[in-house]
Amino acid sequence: MTWRRPIFLCLVGALMAASPVQAQERAMVPVTVDGETVRLAMRWYKPDGAGRFPTVIFNHGSTGRGIDPALFDRPVDYPQLAQFFVARGWAVVIPARRGRGGSEGRYDEGFTASRTGGY
């Protein structure tokens, strides 16, 4: 298990050293969640050139304990991560879940019934 830490730290260092890229495309993509159609905000990056590229779909995590609604609107984007993969020939798609980062709908997964207690 101790061999994983140096590999992880090298990966983090490479991501931090990489120059961030701008999302080449941004779109609102319709999906059905729990019977409701909402549009999810998505950003994607791809290498230069035509063709099919292997693709990473990278989804964000939670907003801490879920008690600060101001965090829900924060755009979801990871340009350093995208640059790491794009430089190696991969496309990267970054969707924002329902109610997060500009996506439509109510951010509702995992909350207590009153929503005041967070997740």
Protein backbone atom coordinates (compact mmCIF):
# COMPACT_ATOMS: atom_id res chain seq x y z
CA MET A 1 0.00 0.00 0.00
CA THR A 2 2.92 2.38 0.62
CA TRP A 3 3.97 2.27 -3.06
CA ARG A 4 0.71 4.03 -4.05
CA ARG A 5 1.50 7.25 -2.23
CA PRO A 6 4.59 8.17 -4.32
CA ILE A 7 2.68 7.41 -7.51
CA PHE A 8 -0.23 9.55 -6.34
CA LEU A 9 2.09 12.43 -5.39
CA CYS A 10 3.81 12.26 -8.80
CA LEU A 11 0.45 12.40 -10.56
CA VAL A 12 -0.68 15.37 -8.45
CA GLY A 13 2.61 17.16 -9.18
CA ALA A 14 2.25 16.56 -12.90
CA LEU A 15 -1.30 17.89 -12.85
CA MET A 16 -0.26 21.00 -10.95
CA ALA A 17 2.66 21.67 -13.30
CA ALA A 18 0.55 21.26 -16.44
CA SER A 19 -0.64 24.45 -18.08
CA PRO A 20 -4.41 24.61 -17.84
CA VAL A 21 -6.39 24.56 -21.06
CA GLN A 22 -9.72 26.17 -21.82
CA ALA A 23 -12.76 23.97 -22.36
CA GLN A 24 -13.20 23.75 -26.12
CA GLU A 25 -16.91 23.17 -25.86
CA ARG A 26 -19.58 23.92 -23.31
CA ALA A 27 -23.12 22.71 -23.67
CA MET A 28 -26.33 22.05 -21.81
CA VAL A 29 -27.18 18.40 -22.48
CA PRO A 30 -30.71 17.10 -21.79
CA VAL A 31 -30.97 14.00 -19.61
CA THR A 32 -33.77 12.37 -17.65
CA VAL A 33 -33.17 12.05 -13.90
CA ASP A 34 -35.86 10.46 -11.72
CA GLY A 35 -38.42 10.96 -14.50
CA GLU A 36 -37.63 14.67 -14.92
CA THR A 37 -35.81 16.04 -17.96
CA VAL A 38 -33.11 18.54 -17.01
CA ARG A 39 -30.15 19.96 -18.87
CA LEU A 40 -26.74 19.20 -17.39
CA ALA A 41 -23.85 21.62 -17.90
CA MET A 42 -20.95 19.84 -19.61
CA ARG A 43 -17.48 20.90 -20.62
CA TRP A 44 -15.26 18.91 -22.87
CA TYR A 45 -11.72 19.02 -24.12
CA LYS A 46 -10.10 17.09 -26.95
CA PRO A 47 -6.73 16.85 -28.63
CA ASP A 48 -6.12 18.68 -31.90
CA GLY A 49 -7.02 16.84 -35.06
CA ALA A 50 -9.85 14.76 -36.37
CA GLY A 51 -10.68 11.28 -35.35
CA ARG A 52 -11.93 9.20 -32.53
CA PHE A 53 -10.21 9.63 -29.18
CA PRO A 54 -10.31 7.51 -26.05
CA THR A 55 -12.42 9.47 -23.58
CA VAL A 56 -12.34 10.11 -19.86
CA ILE A 57 -15.64 11.11 -18.24
CA PHE A 58 -14.66 12.87 -15.04
CA ASN A 59 -17.43 13.62 -12.58
CA HIS A 60 -16.98 15.88 -9.57
CA GLY A 61 -17.51 14.88 -5.98
CA SER A 62 -19.74 16.38 -3.34
CA THR A 63 -19.84 19.89 -1.90
CA GLY A 64 -18.35 19.04 1.45
CA ARG A 65 -21.10 18.28 3.95
CA GLY A 66 -23.84 19.81 1.79
CA ILE A 67 -24.64 22.66 4.17
CA ASP A 68 -23.39 25.61 2.07
CA PRO A 69 -25.72 26.18 -0.92
CA ALA A 70 -23.36 28.85 -2.29
CA LEU A 71 -21.02 26.01 -3.29
CA PHE A 72 -23.69 24.37 -5.45
CA ASP A 73 -23.46 27.07 -8.16
CA ARG A 74 -19.68 26.96 -8.48
CA PRO A 75 -18.72 25.94 -12.07
CA VAL A 76 -17.42 22.40 -12.35
CA ASP A 77 -14.16 22.34 -14.32
CA TYR A 78 -10.78 20.71 -13.94
CA PRO A 79 -8.50 22.23 -16.60
CA GLN A 80 -5.26 20.79 -15.18
CA LEU A 81 -6.71 17.30 -15.17
CA ALA A 82 -8.04 17.80 -18.70
CA GLN A 83 -4.62 19.02 -19.90
CA PHE A 84 -2.94 15.93 -18.46
CA PHE A 85 -5.14 13.63 -20.55
CA VAL A 86 -5.39 15.83 -23.67
CA ALA A 87 -1.58 15.95 -23.85
CA ARG A 88 -1.67 12.14 -24.01
CA GLY A 89 -4.28 11.96 -26.77
CA TRP A 90 -7.44 11.59 -24.70
CA ALA A 91 -10.67 13.59 -24.82
CA VAL A 92 -12.16 14.66 -21.48
CA VAL A 93 -15.84 15.25 -20.67
CA ILE A 94 -16.78 16.94 -17.39
CA PRO A 95 -20.52 16.91 -16.58
CA ALA A 96 -22.01 18.77 -13.62
CA ARG A 97 -24.71 16.84 -11.77
CA ARG A 98 -28.30 18.02 -11.44
CA GLY A 99 -28.50 21.35 -9.61
CA ARG A 100 -24.72 21.88 -9.59
CA GLY A 101 -22.38 24.10 -11.58
CA GLY A 102 -25.01 25.57 -13.89
CA SER A 103 -26.99 22.36 -14.45
CA GLU A 104 -30.75 22.54 -14.17
CA GLY A 105 -32.81 20.80 -11.52
CA ARG A 106 -32.54 20.52 -7.77
CA TYR A 107 -29.33 19.29 -6.19
CA ASP A 108 -30.98 16.70 -3.99
CA GLU A 109 -28.89 13.55 -3.74
CA GLY A 110 -28.08 12.41 -0.23
CA PHE A 111 -29.70 15.18 1.79
CA THR A 112 -31.60 14.73 5.02
CA ALA A 113 -35.37 15.26 4.79
CA SER A 114 -35.16 18.87 6.04
CA ARG A 115 -32.01 19.63 3.93
CA THR A 116 -30.64 21.63 6.89
CA GLY A 117 -28.37 18.85 8.11
CA GLY A 118 -26.54 18.37 4.84
CA TYR A 119 -25.77 14.85 3.73
